[in-house]
Amino acid sequence: MENSALSSEFVIEEQFQQWLQDACLRFQYLHPHIEISTEGNAVRLTGIGADEPGLKREFQFCLYRQKIFEQTLPLRTMLIEGVTGVARRTS
């Protein structure tokens, strides 16, 4: 029985490119047994189980979560400042 690493490759849409590296870090934390490599918009997952269909979906979820996290950070910061009365902004 051959013990070779499996892989899958897919393309990330250009509009999500700016969050790709942070999503890779988040995904790597959740799946330390999977190696991630990127080249342009292409993502390659390598390792035991890397060809599972759900793994691509999980990576895309990490990417979307990172996008939402960064886009809502200013709003969450303002809400916390408003509730606590602590403003970190300079005048």
C-alpha atoms as a PDB file:
ATOM      1  CA  MET A   1       0.000   0.000   0.000  1.00  0.00           C
ATOM      2  CA  GLU A   2       1.440   3.339  -1.065  1.00  0.00           C
ATOM      3  CA  ASN A   3       1.471   6.132   1.524  1.00  0.00           C
ATOM      4  CA  SER A   4       1.547   9.247  -0.662  1.00  0.00           C
ATOM      5  CA  ALA A   5       0.180  12.643   0.208  1.00  0.00           C
ATOM      6  CA  LEU A   6      -2.995  13.629  -1.588  1.00  0.00           C
ATOM      7  CA  SER A   7      -3.691  17.112  -2.826  1.00  0.00           C
ATOM      8  CA  SER A   8      -6.388  19.356  -4.195  1.00  0.00           C
ATOM      9  CA  GLU A   9      -6.111  22.658  -5.978  1.00  0.00           C
ATOM     10  CA  PHE A  10      -8.646  25.407  -6.513  1.00  0.00           C
ATOM     11  CA  VAL A  11      -8.787  29.071  -7.470  1.00  0.00           C
ATOM     12  CA  ILE A  12      -9.796  31.947  -5.221  1.00  0.00           C
ATOM     13  CA  GLU A  13     -11.698  34.798  -6.830  1.00  0.00           C
ATOM     14  CA  GLU A  14      -9.730  38.027  -7.239  1.00  0.00           C
ATOM     15  CA  GLN A  15     -12.027  39.930  -4.858  1.00  0.00           C
ATOM     16  CA  PHE A  16     -10.916  37.688  -1.958  1.00  0.00           C
ATOM     17  CA  GLN A  17      -7.190  37.873  -2.707  1.00  0.00           C
ATOM     18  CA  GLN A  18      -6.391  40.430   0.010  1.00  0.00           C
ATOM     19  CA  TRP A  19      -7.560  38.038   2.756  1.00  0.00           C
ATOM     20  CA  LEU A  20      -5.896  34.923   1.365  1.00  0.00           C
ATOM     21  CA  GLN A  21      -2.756  34.874   3.529  1.00  0.00           C
ATOM     22  CA  ASP A  22      -4.666  35.465   6.775  1.00  0.00           C
ATOM     23  CA  ALA A  23      -7.149  32.746   5.821  1.00  0.00           C
ATOM     24  CA  CYS A  24      -4.228  30.373   5.207  1.00  0.00           C
ATOM     25  CA  LEU A  25      -2.993  31.011   8.755  1.00  0.00           C
ATOM     26  CA  ARG A  26      -6.455  30.409  10.218  1.00  0.00           C
ATOM     27  CA  PHE A  27      -6.881  27.210   8.188  1.00  0.00           C
ATOM     28  CA  GLN A  28      -3.391  25.958   9.114  1.00  0.00           C
ATOM     29  CA  TYR A  29      -4.279  26.314  12.792  1.00  0.00           C
ATOM     30  CA  LEU A  30      -7.419  24.235  12.320  1.00  0.00           C
ATOM     31  CA  HIS A  31      -5.752  21.621  10.069  1.00  0.00           C
ATOM     32  CA  PRO A  32      -2.066  21.364  11.013  1.00  0.00           C
ATOM     33  CA  HIS A  33      -1.687  18.115   9.057  1.00  0.00           C
ATOM     34  CA  ILE A  34      -2.491  19.884   5.756  1.00  0.00           C
ATOM     35  CA  GLU A  35       0.184  21.871   3.935  1.00  0.00           C
ATOM     36  CA  ILE A  36      -1.004  24.985   2.102  1.00  0.00           C
ATOM     37  CA  SER A  37       0.731  26.618  -0.832  1.00  0.00           C
ATOM     38  CA  THR A  38      -0.460  29.577  -2.873  1.00  0.00           C
ATOM     39  CA  GLU A  39       0.561  30.948  -6.220  1.00  0.00           C
ATOM     40  CA  GLY A  40      -1.403  33.920  -7.434  1.00  0.00           C
ATOM     41  CA  ASN A  41      -5.067  33.029  -6.955  1.00  0.00           C
ATOM     42  CA  ALA A  42      -4.420  29.281  -6.838  1.00  0.00           C
ATOM     43  CA  VAL A  43      -4.460  27.401  -3.528  1.00  0.00           C
ATOM     44  CA  ARG A  44      -3.064  23.897  -3.172  1.00  0.00           C
ATOM     45  CA  LEU A  45      -3.811  21.719  -0.140  1.00  0.00           C
ATOM     46  CA  THR A  46      -1.458  18.773   0.338  1.00  0.00           C
ATOM     47  CA  GLY A  47      -1.502  15.981   2.909  1.00  0.00           C
ATOM     48  CA  ILE A  48      -3.458  12.988   4.080  1.00  0.00           C
ATOM     49  CA  GLY A  49      -7.122  13.766   3.458  1.00  0.00           C
ATOM     50  CA  ALA A  50      -6.396  16.890   1.399  1.00  0.00           C
ATOM     51  CA  ASP A  51      -8.633  15.628  -1.396  1.00  0.00           C
ATOM     52  CA  GLU A  52     -11.741  15.506   0.819  1.00  0.00           C
ATOM     53  CA  PRO A  53     -14.473  17.748  -0.652  1.00  0.00           C
ATOM     54  CA  GLY A  54     -15.277  19.282   2.723  1.00  0.00           C
ATOM     55  CA  LEU A  55     -11.745  20.591   3.158  1.00  0.00           C
ATOM     56  CA  LYS A  56     -12.077  23.021   0.256  1.00  0.00           C
ATOM     57  CA  ARG A  57     -15.360  24.228   1.737  1.00  0.00           C
ATOM     58  CA  GLU A  58     -13.675  24.744   5.132  1.00  0.00           C
ATOM     59  CA  PHE A  59     -10.871  26.741   3.530  1.00  0.00           C
ATOM     60  CA  GLN A  60     -13.371  28.944   1.720  1.00  0.00           C
ATOM     61  CA  PHE A  61     -15.233  29.443   5.010  1.00  0.00           C
ATOM     62  CA  CYS A  62     -11.965  30.577   6.662  1.00  0.00           C
ATOM     63  CA  LEU A  63     -11.449  33.011   3.819  1.00  0.00           C
ATOM     64  CA  TYR A  64     -14.955  34.411   4.135  1.00  0.00           C
ATOM     65  CA  ARG A  65     -14.649  34.683   7.937  1.00  0.00           C
ATOM     66  CA  GLN A  66     -11.432  36.655   7.547  1.00  0.00           C
ATOM     67  CA  LYS A  67     -13.119  39.013   5.088  1.00  0.00           C
ATOM     68  CA  ILE A  68     -16.062  39.616   7.432  1.00  0.00           C
ATOM     69  CA  PHE A  69     -13.747  40.015  10.452  1.00  0.00           C
ATOM     70  CA  GLU A  70     -11.683  42.736   8.794  1.00  0.00           C
ATOM     71  CA  GLN A  71     -14.635  44.543   7.253  1.00  0.00           C
ATOM     72  CA  THR A  72     -16.568  44.726  10.518  1.00  0.00           C
ATOM     73  CA  LEU A  73     -13.626  45.561  12.795  1.00  0.00           C
ATOM     74  CA  PRO A  74     -14.120  49.363  12.639  1.00  0.00           C
ATOM     75  CA  LEU A  75     -17.817  48.983  13.465  1.00  0.00           C
ATOM     76  CA  ARG A  76     -17.126  46.651  16.388  1.00  0.00           C
ATOM     77  CA  THR A  77     -14.435  49.008  17.681  1.00  0.00           C
ATOM     78  CA  MET A  78     -16.851  51.952  17.593  1.00  0.00           C
ATOM     79  CA  LEU A  79     -19.546  49.933  19.371  1.00  0.00           C
ATOM     80  CA  ILE A  80     -17.183  48.880  22.152  1.00  0.00           C
ATOM     81  CA  GLU A  81     -15.907  52.442  22.548  1.00  0.00           C
ATOM     82  CA  GLY A  82     -19.492  53.715  22.703  1.00  0.00           C
ATOM     83  CA  VAL A  83     -20.576  51.173  25.310  1.00  0.00           C
ATOM     84  CA  THR A  84     -17.497  51.431  27.520  1.00  0.00           C
ATOM     85  CA  GLY A  85     -16.942  55.170  27.054  1.00  0.00           C
ATOM     86  CA  VAL A  86     -13.294  54.512  26.256  1.00  0.00           C
ATOM     87  CA  ALA A  87     -12.116  56.101  23.031  1.00  0.00           C
ATOM     88  CA  ARG A  88      -8.761  55.101  21.611  1.00  0.00           C
ATOM     89  CA  ARG A  89      -8.967  57.734  18.917  1.00  0.00           C
ATOM     90  CA  THR A  90      -6.778  60.795  18.958  1.00  0.00           C
ATOM     91  CA  SER A  91      -8.165  64.263  18.267  1.00  0.00           C
END
